[in-house]
C-alpha atoms as a PDB file:
ATOM      1  CA  MET A   1     162.430  56.995  99.024  1.00  0.00           C
ATOM      2  CA  GLU A   2     165.843  56.637 100.687  1.00  0.00           C
ATOM      3  CA  THR A   3     168.667  59.158 100.939  1.00  0.00           C
ATOM      4  CA  THR A   4     171.876  59.407 102.940  1.00  0.00           C
ATOM      5  CA  VAL A   5     172.203  62.308 105.373  1.00  0.00           C
ATOM      6  CA  HIS A   6     174.957  63.188 107.778  1.00  0.00           C
ATOM      7  CA  GLY A   7     175.593  64.785 111.146  1.00  0.00           C
ATOM      8  CA  THR A   8     176.016  68.530 111.523  1.00  0.00           C
ATOM      9  CA  ALA A   9     178.926  70.379 113.058  1.00  0.00           C
ATOM     10  CA  ASP A  10     176.888  70.650 116.260  1.00  0.00           C
ATOM     11  CA  ASN A  11     177.234  66.912 116.711  1.00  0.00           C
ATOM     12  CA  PRO A  12     180.698  66.136 118.127  1.00  0.00           C
ATOM     13  CA  GLN A  13     180.380  62.510 117.030  1.00  0.00           C
ATOM     14  CA  ARG A  14     179.498  63.561 113.468  1.00  0.00           C
ATOM     15  CA  SER A  15     177.140  60.639 113.208  1.00  0.00           C
ATOM     16  CA  SER A  16     175.878  59.822 109.728  1.00  0.00           C
ATOM     17  CA  PHE A  17     172.465  58.470 108.887  1.00  0.00           C
ATOM     18  CA  ARG A  18     170.388  57.075 106.070  1.00  0.00           C
ATOM     19  CA  VAL A  19     166.840  58.418 105.953  1.00  0.00           C
ATOM     20  CA  ARG A  20     163.973  56.431 104.502  1.00  0.00           C
ATOM     21  CA  THR A  21     160.887  58.551 103.806  1.00  0.00           C
ATOM     22  CA  TYR A  22     157.309  57.330 103.360  1.00  0.00           C
ATOM     23  CA  PRO A  23     155.070  59.969 101.695  1.00  0.00           C
ATOM     24  CA  ALA A  24     151.778  60.678 103.415  1.00  0.00           C
ATOM     25  CA  ILE A  25     148.650  58.789 102.454  1.00  0.00           C
ATOM     26  CA  PRO A  26     146.018  61.452 101.644  1.00  0.00           C
ATOM     27  CA  ALA A  27     143.610  62.011 104.526  1.00  0.00           C
ATOM     28  CA  PRO A  28     139.961  61.433 103.633  1.00  0.00           C
ATOM     29  CA  VAL A  29     137.829  64.416 102.681  1.00  0.00           C
ATOM     30  CA  TYR A  30     134.199  64.109 103.680  1.00  0.00           C
ATOM     31  CA  PHE A  31     132.814  67.222 101.995  1.00  0.00           C
ATOM     32  CA  GLU A  32     132.581  67.812  98.248  1.00  0.00           C
ATOM     33  CA  ALA A  33     133.146  71.539  98.578  1.00  0.00           C
ATOM     34  CA  GLU A  34     134.785  73.705 101.194  1.00  0.00           C
ATOM     35  CA  SER A  35     131.806  76.013 101.139  1.00  0.00           C
ATOM     36  CA  ASP A  36     129.561  73.262 102.539  1.00  0.00           C
ATOM     37  CA  LEU A  37     130.697  74.109 106.054  1.00  0.00           C
ATOM     38  CA  GLY A  38     132.772  77.193 105.414  1.00  0.00           C
ATOM     39  CA  LEU A  39     135.970  75.161 105.930  1.00  0.00           C
ATOM     40  CA  ASP A  40     139.378  75.651 104.388  1.00  0.00           C
ATOM     41  CA  LEU A  41     140.359  72.034 103.766  1.00  0.00           C
ATOM     42  CA  ASP A  42     143.874  73.040 102.638  1.00  0.00           C
ATOM     43  CA  SER A  43     144.803  74.419 106.085  1.00  0.00           C
ATOM     44  CA  SER A  44     145.384  71.059 107.770  1.00  0.00           C
ATOM     45  CA  ALA A  45     148.461  70.688 109.955  1.00  0.00           C
ATOM     46  CA  LEU A  46     151.680  69.279 108.520  1.00  0.00           C
ATOM     47  CA  ILE A  47     152.507  66.165 110.553  1.00  0.00           C
ATOM     48  CA  ARG A  48     155.615  63.958 110.557  1.00  0.00           C
ATOM     49  CA  ALA A  49     156.640  60.881 112.516  1.00  0.00           C
ATOM     50  CA  ILE A  50     160.382  60.220 112.784  1.00  0.00           C
ATOM     51  CA  GLY A  51     161.502  56.780 113.928  1.00  0.00           C
ATOM     52  CA  ILE A  52     164.857  56.466 115.699  1.00  0.00           C
ATOM     53  CA  GLY A  53     166.420  53.164 116.721  1.00  0.00           C
ATOM     54  CA  ARG A  54     165.093  49.713 115.932  1.00  0.00           C
ATOM     55  CA  THR A  55     161.735  50.185 117.707  1.00  0.00           C
ATOM     56  CA  GLY A  56     161.125  53.687 116.409  1.00  0.00           C
ATOM     57  CA  ARG A  57     161.956  52.794 112.804  1.00  0.00           C
ATOM     58  CA  ARG A  58     159.694  49.754 112.806  1.00  0.00           C
ATOM     59  CA  ASN A  59     156.749  51.719 114.148  1.00  0.00           C
ATOM     60  CA  ALA A  60     157.292  54.630 111.755  1.00  0.00           C
ATOM     61  CA  GLU A  61     157.121  52.149 108.884  1.00  0.00           C
ATOM     62  CA  LEU A  62     153.870  50.649 110.193  1.00  0.00           C
ATOM     63  CA  LEU A  63     152.328  54.074 110.762  1.00  0.00           C
ATOM     64  CA  ALA A  64     153.122  55.023 107.175  1.00  0.00           C
ATOM     65  CA  ARG A  65     151.029  52.113 105.950  1.00  0.00           C
ATOM     66  CA  LYS A  66     148.018  52.683 108.177  1.00  0.00           C
ATOM     67  CA  VAL A  67     147.604  56.348 109.154  1.00  0.00           C
ATOM     68  CA  PRO A  68     146.618  58.877 106.458  1.00  0.00           C
ATOM     69  CA  GLY A  69     147.686  62.486 106.729  1.00  0.00           C
ATOM     70  CA  MET A  70     151.249  62.137 108.017  1.00  0.00           C
ATOM     71  CA  THR A  71     154.708  61.743 106.460  1.00  0.00           C
ATOM     72  CA  CYS A  72     156.933  59.145 108.130  1.00  0.00           C
ATOM     73  CA  HIS A  73     160.714  58.852 108.253  1.00  0.00           C
ATOM     74  CA  GLU A  74     163.164  56.226 109.466  1.00  0.00           C
ATOM     75  CA  ILE A  75     166.579  57.436 110.611  1.00  0.00           C
ATOM     76  CA  ILE A  76     169.151  54.672 110.142  1.00  0.00           C
ATOM     77  CA  PRO A  77     172.750  54.970 111.455  1.00  0.00           C
ATOM     78  CA  ALA A  78     175.351  54.868 108.660  1.00  0.00           C
ATOM     79  CA  PRO A  79     178.696  55.753 110.287  1.00  0.00           C
ATOM     80  CA  HIS A  80     180.757  55.260 107.107  1.00  0.00           C
ATOM     81  CA  ALA A  81     178.583  57.287 104.766  1.00  0.00           C
ATOM     82  CA  GLY A  82     180.810  60.386 104.664  1.00  0.00           C
ATOM     83  CA  ASN A  83     180.704  63.977 105.884  1.00  0.00           C
ATOM     84  CA  ASP A  84     178.509  65.916 103.437  1.00  0.00           C
ATOM     85  CA  CYS A  85     175.729  67.574 105.476  1.00  0.00           C
ATOM     86  CA  GLU A  86     173.604  68.977 102.644  1.00  0.00           C
ATOM     87  CA  GLU A  87     170.912  66.293 102.618  1.00  0.00           C
ATOM     88  CA  LEU A  88     170.526  66.362 106.405  1.00  0.00           C
ATOM     89  CA  GLU A  89     169.961  70.089 106.184  1.00  0.00           C
ATOM     90  CA  CYS A  90     167.187  69.449 103.640  1.00  0.00           C
ATOM     91  CA  LEU A  91     165.513  67.028 106.032  1.00  0.00           C
ATOM     92  CA  LEU A  92     165.824  69.421 108.969  1.00  0.00           C
ATOM     93  CA  THR A  93     164.429  72.232 106.828  1.00  0.00           C
ATOM     94  CA  ALA A  94     161.381  70.085 106.080  1.00  0.00           C
ATOM     95  CA  ILE A  95     160.960  69.352 109.786  1.00  0.00           C
ATOM     96  CA  GLY A  96     161.250  73.091 110.480  1.00  0.00           C
ATOM     97  CA  GLU A  97     158.189  73.661 108.312  1.00  0.00           C
ATOM     98  CA  THR A  98     156.192  70.975 110.150  1.00  0.00           C
ATOM     99  CA  ASP A  99     153.404  71.747 112.608  1.00  0.00           C
ATOM    100  CA  LEU A 100     153.621  68.520 114.597  1.00  0.00           C
ATOM    101  CA  ALA A 101     156.594  66.150 114.832  1.00  0.00           C
ATOM    102  CA  PHE A 102     156.411  62.823 116.666  1.00  0.00           C
ATOM    103  CA  VAL A 103     159.851  61.432 117.584  1.00  0.00           C
ATOM    104  CA  LEU A 104     159.484  57.670 118.098  1.00  0.00           C
ATOM    105  CA  ALA A 105     161.895  55.365 119.907  1.00  0.00           C
ATOM    106  CA  GLY A 106     162.157  52.383 122.209  1.00  0.00           C
ATOM    107  CA  ALA A 107     163.447  52.744 125.743  1.00  0.00           C
ATOM    108  CA  ASP A 108     166.481  50.636 124.828  1.00  0.00           C
ATOM    109  CA  ASP A 109     167.287  52.565 121.637  1.00  0.00           C
ATOM    110  CA  LYS A 110     170.185  55.006 121.799  1.00  0.00           C
ATOM    111  CA  GLY A 111     169.195  57.804 119.447  1.00  0.00           C
ATOM    112  CA  GLY A 112     169.841  60.888 121.535  1.00  0.00           C
ATOM    113  CA  ASN A 113     171.970  62.778 118.967  1.00  0.00           C
ATOM    114  CA  ALA A 114     169.460  62.321 116.165  1.00  0.00           C
ATOM    115  CA  ALA A 115     166.540  63.158 118.474  1.00  0.00           C
ATOM    116  CA  ARG A 116     168.166  66.372 119.668  1.00  0.00           C
ATOM    117  CA  ALA A 117     168.939  67.423 116.089  1.00  0.00           C
ATOM    118  CA  ILE A 118     165.263  67.004 115.209  1.00  0.00           C
ATOM    119  CA  GLY A 119     163.918  68.619 118.344  1.00  0.00           C
ATOM    120  CA  THR A 120     166.126  71.705 118.217  1.00  0.00           C
ATOM    121  CA  VAL A 121     165.395  72.635 114.589  1.00  0.00           C
ATOM    122  CA  PRO A 122     164.270  76.283 114.330  1.00  0.00           C
ATOM    123  CA  ARG A 123     160.594  76.239 113.377  1.00  0.00           C
ATOM    124  CA  ALA A 124     158.846  78.469 110.878  1.00  0.00           C
ATOM    125  CA  ARG A 125     155.509  77.654 112.534  1.00  0.00           C
ATOM    126  CA  PRO A 126     154.232  77.420 116.146  1.00  0.00           C
ATOM    127  CA  ALA A 127     155.306  73.790 116.069  1.00  0.00           C
ATOM    128  CA  LEU A 128     154.878  70.957 118.554  1.00  0.00           C
ATOM    129  CA  THR A 129     157.368  68.130 119.206  1.00  0.00           C
ATOM    130  CA  ILE A 130     156.100  65.031 121.007  1.00  0.00           C
ATOM    131  CA  ALA A 131     158.572  62.306 121.999  1.00  0.00           C
ATOM    132  CA  VAL A 132     156.965  58.854 122.284  1.00  0.00           C
ATOM    133  CA  VAL A 133     158.955  56.079 123.943  1.00  0.00           C
ATOM    134  CA  ALA A 134     157.654  52.522 123.615  1.00  0.00           C
ATOM    135  CA  ASP A 135     158.819  50.954 126.871  1.00  0.00           C
ATOM    136  CA  ALA A 136     158.238  47.203 126.866  1.00  0.00           C
ATOM    137  CA  GLY A 137     159.338  46.984 130.485  1.00  0.00           C
ATOM    138  CA  GLY A 138     156.722  49.428 131.685  1.00  0.00           C
ATOM    139  CA  ALA A 139     159.238  51.891 133.124  1.00  0.00           C
ATOM    140  CA  GLY A 140     157.783  54.693 131.050  1.00  0.00           C
ATOM    141  CA  THR A 141     159.403  58.107 131.251  1.00  0.00           C
ATOM    142  CA  SER A 142     161.827  56.959 133.974  1.00  0.00           C
ATOM    143  CA  SER A 143     163.640  54.702 131.475  1.00  0.00           C
ATOM    144  CA  GLY A 144     166.285  57.319 130.688  1.00  0.00           C
ATOM    145  CA  PHE A 145     166.074  57.027 126.892  1.00  0.00           C
ATOM    146  CA  PHE A 146     167.414  60.577 126.604  1.00  0.00           C
ATOM    147  CA  PRO A 147     170.256  60.490 129.152  1.00  0.00           C
ATOM    148  CA  GLY A 148     171.277  63.829 130.564  1.00  0.00           C
ATOM    149  CA  GLU A 149     168.349  65.588 128.934  1.00  0.00           C
ATOM    150  CA  GLU A 150     166.038  67.937 130.785  1.00  0.00           C
ATOM    151  CA  GLY A 151     163.440  67.852 128.057  1.00  0.00           C
ATOM    152  CA  GLY A 152     164.592  71.074 126.411  1.00  0.00           C
ATOM    153  CA  TRP A 153     164.153  69.819 122.860  1.00  0.00           C
ATOM    154  CA  TYR A 154     160.681  68.237 123.144  1.00  0.00           C
ATOM    155  CA  ASP A 155     157.394  69.672 124.378  1.00  0.00           C
ATOM    156  CA  THR A 156     155.950  66.476 125.884  1.00  0.00           C
ATOM    157  CA  LEU A 157     157.356  62.994 126.492  1.00  0.00           C
ATOM    158  CA  PHE A 158     154.961  60.017 126.499  1.00  0.00           C
ATOM    159  CA  GLY A 159     156.170  56.696 127.879  1.00  0.00           C
ATOM    160  CA  VAL A 160     153.829  53.882 126.773  1.00  0.00           C
ATOM    161  CA  SER A 161     153.753  50.141 127.410  1.00  0.00           C
ATOM    162  CA  GLU A 162     151.360  47.192 127.534  1.00  0.00           C
ATOM    163  CA  GLN A 163     149.933  48.774 130.693  1.00  0.00           C
ATOM    164  CA  SER A 164     148.501  51.564 128.527  1.00  0.00           C
ATOM    165  CA  LEU A 165     146.288  49.098 126.646  1.00  0.00           C
ATOM    166  CA  PRO A 166     142.964  47.518 127.616  1.00  0.00           C
ATOM    167  CA  GLU A 167     143.257  44.803 130.240  1.00  0.00           C
ATOM    168  CA  GLN A 168     142.479  41.295 128.998  1.00  0.00           C
ATOM    169  CA  ASP A 169     141.218  38.295 130.944  1.00  0.00           C
ATOM    170  CA  GLU A 170     142.942  35.809 128.641  1.00  0.00           C
ATOM    171  CA  PRO A 171     146.745  35.556 128.378  1.00  0.00           C
ATOM    172  CA  ARG A 172     148.169  37.915 125.778  1.00  0.00           C
ATOM    173  CA  LEU A 173     149.576  36.259 122.679  1.00  0.00           C
ATOM    174  CA  LEU A 174     151.851  39.166 121.760  1.00  0.00           C
ATOM    175  CA  GLN A 175     155.173  39.949 123.398  1.00  0.00           C
ATOM    176  CA  ARG A 176     155.581  43.043 125.572  1.00  0.00           C
ATOM    177  CA  GLU A 177     157.657  44.794 122.922  1.00  0.00           C
ATOM    178  CA  GLU A 178     154.931  44.296 120.306  1.00  0.00           C
ATOM    179  CA  LEU A 179     152.258  45.579 122.683  1.00  0.00           C
ATOM    180  CA  ALA A 180     154.350  48.629 123.552  1.00  0.00           C
ATOM    181  CA  GLY A 181     154.793  49.312 119.839  1.00  0.00           C
ATOM    182  CA  TYR A 182     151.042  49.030 119.314  1.00  0.00           C
ATOM    183  CA  ALA A 183     150.460  51.532 122.139  1.00  0.00           C
ATOM    184  CA  MET A 184     152.914  53.909 120.483  1.00  0.00           C
ATOM    185  CA  ARG A 185     151.165  53.633 117.105  1.00  0.00           C
ATOM    186  CA  HIS A 186     147.738  54.002 118.707  1.00  0.00           C
ATOM    187  CA  LEU A 187     148.728  57.264 120.397  1.00  0.00           C
ATOM    188  CA  VAL A 188     150.272  58.748 117.236  1.00  0.00           C
ATOM    189  CA  GLY A 189     147.448  57.526 115.020  1.00  0.00           C
ATOM    190  CA  THR A 190     144.742  58.837 117.343  1.00  0.00           C
ATOM    191  CA  VAL A 191     146.219  62.326 117.592  1.00  0.00           C
ATOM    192  CA  THR A 192     146.761  62.484 113.834  1.00  0.00           C
ATOM    193  CA  THR A 193     143.242  61.265 113.093  1.00  0.00           C
ATOM    194  CA  LEU A 194     141.701  63.845 115.424  1.00  0.00           C
ATOM    195  CA  ILE A 195     143.533  66.576 113.489  1.00  0.00           C
ATOM    196  CA  THR A 196     143.147  65.377 109.899  1.00  0.00           C
ATOM    197  CA  HIS A 197     139.708  63.715 109.808  1.00  0.00           C
ATOM    198  CA  MET A 198     136.538  65.742 109.620  1.00  0.00           C
ATOM    199  CA  SER A 199     133.834  64.586 112.040  1.00  0.00           C
ATOM    200  CA  GLY A 200     130.841  65.979 113.842  1.00  0.00           C
ATOM    201  CA  ILE A 201     133.107  67.039 116.730  1.00  0.00           C
ATOM    202  CA  CYS A 202     135.397  69.887 115.702  1.00  0.00           C
ATOM    203  CA  ILE A 203     138.992  69.561 116.973  1.00  0.00           C
ATOM    204  CA  ASP A 204     141.866  71.379 115.337  1.00  0.00           C
ATOM    205  CA  PHE A 205     145.611  71.460 115.781  1.00  0.00           C
ATOM    206  CA  ALA A 206     145.415  74.449 118.131  1.00  0.00           C
ATOM    207  CA  ASP A 207     143.258  72.418 120.567  1.00  0.00           C
ATOM    208  CA  ILE A 208     145.724  69.544 120.641  1.00  0.00           C
ATOM    209  CA  ARG A 209     148.722  71.832 120.897  1.00  0.00           C
ATOM    210  CA  SER A 210     147.171  73.499 123.940  1.00  0.00           C
ATOM    211  CA  ILE A 211     146.652  70.131 125.664  1.00  0.00           C
ATOM    212  CA  MET A 212     150.169  68.884 124.968  1.00  0.00           C
ATOM    213  CA  LEU A 213     151.784  72.111 126.145  1.00  0.00           C
ATOM    214  CA  SER A 214     150.008  71.761 129.490  1.00  0.00           C
ATOM    215  CA  GLY A 215     152.741  69.425 130.782  1.00  0.00           C
ATOM    216  CA  LYS A 216     156.127  67.900 130.009  1.00  0.00           C
ATOM    217  CA  VAL A 217     155.124  64.294 130.760  1.00  0.00           C
ATOM    218  CA  GLY A 218     152.260  62.443 129.093  1.00  0.00           C
ATOM    219  CA  SER A 219     150.453  59.185 129.867  1.00  0.00           C
ATOM    220  CA  LEU A 220     148.137  56.994 127.792  1.00  0.00           C
ATOM    221  CA  GLY A 221     145.178  54.847 128.870  1.00  0.00           C
ATOM    222  CA  VAL A 222     142.826  52.915 126.559  1.00  0.00           C
ATOM    223  CA  GLY A 223     139.540  51.215 127.499  1.00  0.00           C
ATOM    224  CA  ILE A 224     137.060  49.133 125.475  1.00  0.00           C
ATOM    225  CA  ASP A 225     133.534  47.967 126.275  1.00  0.00           C
ATOM    226  CA  SER A 226     130.587  46.516 124.358  1.00  0.00           C
ATOM    227  CA  GLY A 227     127.955  46.303 127.113  1.00  0.00           C
ATOM    228  CA  PRO A 228     124.735  48.291 127.557  1.00  0.00           C
ATOM    229  CA  THR A 229     126.622  51.215 129.129  1.00  0.00           C
ATOM    230  CA  ARG A 230     129.590  50.907 126.817  1.00  0.00           C
ATOM    231  CA  GLY A 231     130.393  54.626 126.511  1.00  0.00           C
ATOM    232  CA  ALA A 232     130.751  55.227 130.248  1.00  0.00           C
ATOM    233  CA  ALA A 233     132.266  51.790 130.871  1.00  0.00           C
ATOM    234  CA  ALA A 234     134.983  52.242 128.245  1.00  0.00           C
ATOM    235  CA  ALA A 235     135.902  55.620 129.760  1.00  0.00           C
ATOM    236  CA  LEU A 236     136.167  54.064 133.235  1.00  0.00           C
ATOM    237  CA  ARG A 237     138.363  51.288 131.859  1.00  0.00           C
ATOM    238  CA  ALA A 238     140.673  53.856 130.260  1.00  0.00           C
ATOM    239  CA  LEU A 239     141.019  55.631 133.611  1.00  0.00           C
ATOM    240  CA  ASP A 240     141.791  52.270 135.233  1.00  0.00           C
ATOM    241  CA  ARG A 241     144.685  51.782 132.810  1.00  0.00           C
ATOM    242  CA  LEU A 242     146.114  55.134 133.875  1.00  0.00           C
ATOM    243  CA  LYS A 243     145.789  54.128 137.539  1.00  0.00           C
ATOM    244  CA  ALA A 244     147.646  50.891 136.780  1.00  0.00           C
ATOM    245  CA  GLN A 245     150.577  53.048 135.673  1.00  0.00           C
ATOM    246  CA  GLY A 246     150.490  55.136 138.838  1.00  0.00           C
ATOM    247  CA  VAL A 247     148.882  58.112 137.094  1.00  0.00           C
ATOM    248  CA  SER A 248     146.289  60.235 138.888  1.00  0.00           C
ATOM    249  CA  ILE A 249     143.967  61.753 136.301  1.00  0.00           C
ATOM    250  CA  ALA A 250     142.808  64.265 138.923  1.00  0.00           C
ATOM    251  CA  GLU A 251     146.270  65.826 138.851  1.00  0.00           C
ATOM    252  CA  ALA A 252     146.439  66.152 135.058  1.00  0.00           C
ATOM    253  CA  LYS A 253     146.904  69.617 133.610  1.00  0.00           C
ATOM    254  CA  GLY A 254     145.629  68.701 130.159  1.00  0.00           C
ATOM    255  CA  VAL A 255     143.465  65.816 128.905  1.00  0.00           C
ATOM    256  CA  LEU A 256     142.881  64.825 125.290  1.00  0.00           C
ATOM    257  CA  VAL A 257     140.190  62.175 124.802  1.00  0.00           C
ATOM    258  CA  ALA A 258     139.086  60.274 121.711  1.00  0.00           C
ATOM    259  CA  VAL A 259     135.880  58.247 121.682  1.00  0.00           C
ATOM    260  CA  HIS A 260     136.142  55.618 118.930  1.00  0.00           C
ATOM    261  CA  GLY A 261     133.054  53.909 117.574  1.00  0.00           C
ATOM    262  CA  SER A 262     131.193  52.722 114.506  1.00  0.00           C
ATOM    263  CA  SER A 263     127.959  54.190 113.130  1.00  0.00           C
ATOM    264  CA  THR A 264     126.163  52.377 115.991  1.00  0.00           C
ATOM    265  CA  LEU A 265     127.674  54.830 118.488  1.00  0.00           C
ATOM    266  CA  THR A 266     125.031  57.274 119.709  1.00  0.00           C
ATOM    267  CA  MET A 267     125.550  60.816 120.911  1.00  0.00           C
ATOM    268  CA  ASP A 268     124.206  59.752 124.293  1.00  0.00           C
ATOM    269  CA  GLU A 269     127.015  57.187 124.551  1.00  0.00           C
ATOM    270  CA  PHE A 270     129.554  59.801 123.477  1.00  0.00           C
ATOM    271  CA  ASP A 271     128.207  62.154 126.130  1.00  0.00           C
ATOM    272  CA  ASP A 272     128.345  59.383 128.744  1.00  0.00           C
ATOM    273  CA  ALA A 273     132.040  58.845 128.060  1.00  0.00           C
ATOM    274  CA  SER A 274     132.707  62.574 128.152  1.00  0.00           C
ATOM    275  CA  ARG A 275     130.920  62.988 131.498  1.00  0.00           C
ATOM    276  CA  VAL A 276     133.001  60.230 133.094  1.00  0.00           C
ATOM    277  CA  ILE A 277     136.238  61.937 132.066  1.00  0.00           C
ATOM    278  CA  HIS A 278     135.094  65.398 133.109  1.00  0.00           C
ATOM    279  CA  GLY A 279     133.978  64.001 136.459  1.00  0.00           C
ATOM    280  CA  ALA A 280     137.438  62.563 137.146  1.00  0.00           C
ATOM    281  CA  VAL A 281     139.522  65.576 136.093  1.00  0.00           C
ATOM    282  CA  ASP A 282     140.198  68.763 138.018  1.00  0.00           C
ATOM    283  CA  GLU A 283     137.828  71.529 136.973  1.00  0.00           C
ATOM    284  CA  ASP A 284     140.772  73.780 136.078  1.00  0.00           C
ATOM    285  CA  ALA A 285     142.318  71.258 133.688  1.00  0.00           C
ATOM    286  CA  ASN A 286     142.229  71.777 129.935  1.00  0.00           C
ATOM    287  CA  ILE A 287     140.003  69.023 128.481  1.00  0.00           C
ATOM    288  CA  VAL A 288     139.194  68.272 124.840  1.00  0.00           C
ATOM    289  CA  VAL A 289     137.019  65.328 123.790  1.00  0.00           C
ATOM    290  CA  GLY A 290     136.828  64.233 120.161  1.00  0.00           C
ATOM    291  CA  LEU A 291     135.134  61.559 118.081  1.00  0.00           C
ATOM    292  CA  VAL A 292     136.902  59.007 115.837  1.00  0.00           C
ATOM    293  CA  SER A 293     134.718  57.043 113.431  1.00  0.00           C
ATOM    294  CA  GLU A 294     135.846  53.413 113.090  1.00  0.00           C
ATOM    295  CA  GLU A 295     133.412  51.077 111.369  1.00  0.00           C
ATOM    296  CA  GLN A 296     135.671  48.126 112.173  1.00  0.00           C
ATOM    297  CA  ALA A 297     134.886  48.711 115.866  1.00  0.00           C
ATOM    298  CA  GLY A 298     131.556  46.964 115.385  1.00  0.00           C
ATOM    299  CA  GLY A 299     129.690  46.914 118.687  1.00  0.00           C
ATOM    300  CA  ASN A 300     132.697  48.099 120.723  1.00  0.00           C
ATOM    301  CA  VAL A 301     133.289  51.573 122.009  1.00  0.00           C
ATOM    302  CA  LYS A 302     136.914  52.471 122.670  1.00  0.00           C
ATOM    303  CA  VAL A 303     138.031  55.469 124.716  1.00  0.00           C
ATOM    304  CA  THR A 304     141.588  56.787 124.475  1.00  0.00           C
ATOM    305  CA  VAL A 305     142.759  59.150 127.217  1.00  0.00           C
ATOM    306  CA  MET A 306     146.015  61.088 126.835  1.00  0.00           C
ATOM    307  CA  CYS A 307     146.842  63.276 129.825  1.00  0.00           C
ATOM    308  CA  THR A 308     149.733  65.630 130.456  1.00  0.00           C
ATOM    309  CA  HIS A 309     151.271  66.592 133.762  1.00  0.00           C
ATOM    310  CA  GLY A 310     153.017  69.765 134.836  1.00  0.00           C
ATOM    311  CA  ILE A 311     155.891  67.946 136.538  1.00  0.00           C
ATOM    312  CA  ARG A 312     158.009  64.888 135.812  1.00  0.00           C
ATOM    313  CA  ARG A 313     157.376  61.610 137.539  1.00  0.00           C
END
């Protein structure tokens, strides 16, 4: 669905935009009746991903195809569309009723006005806004995508790049920009899946909100292993990816971890991964470890570590 929306009076440039919306794919329900576990399956968080700029729009479109449980939008500049603000207000109203909003962009995309409009919407809920910048150059949060901003409109800013992803011995076939986009989608998809999918490890939106509000800057590290100690080894590899970005996990204020595996993943392997992370993080940090079931993982175990810091880098 595509509509034309326009800048508000708060925007001195009165920028106009077209908005393309992708309705959410229904998240899977694993229980035939709510009473099975005493769960209210209608209380799931309302999640949106808003893509700004070429990189952000492309990744919002891909997320809409692959990640159930979230509504995705592309914001497309349309400077000659006119001055009627009514449809923009409808979009901002919908965002105001959202629990979690991801604002997606590339480090070279100039979408500050649109991002601020989204981030400063009055919220009807205790909402969370996470800015995710896919930085193909590896500069991360220092790239200056939001020039002049002090982070007032977002809760946490993640800068991701190919350095966030598992290290490979063979030369990579994908370009840096594609890898950075994959890292962006992996972060958004993992957080959304932890919230919307029922698993044996209970994590809700309040848990994730607490982690993200622990710091203004976030970092991502992903590790994969298929060996005999794959749970612990994948966790160590994820920590290595954070180190490669100059991130000290010991200084993190909040840590959100997802252990991804097929039905071959044992609870011992899950516990091994969890122990590695807990052993590397300060005892006062807020840590949440969840499980993501992925049959396509086969014999691999993947560990995704998202950590937040109290200060900017």
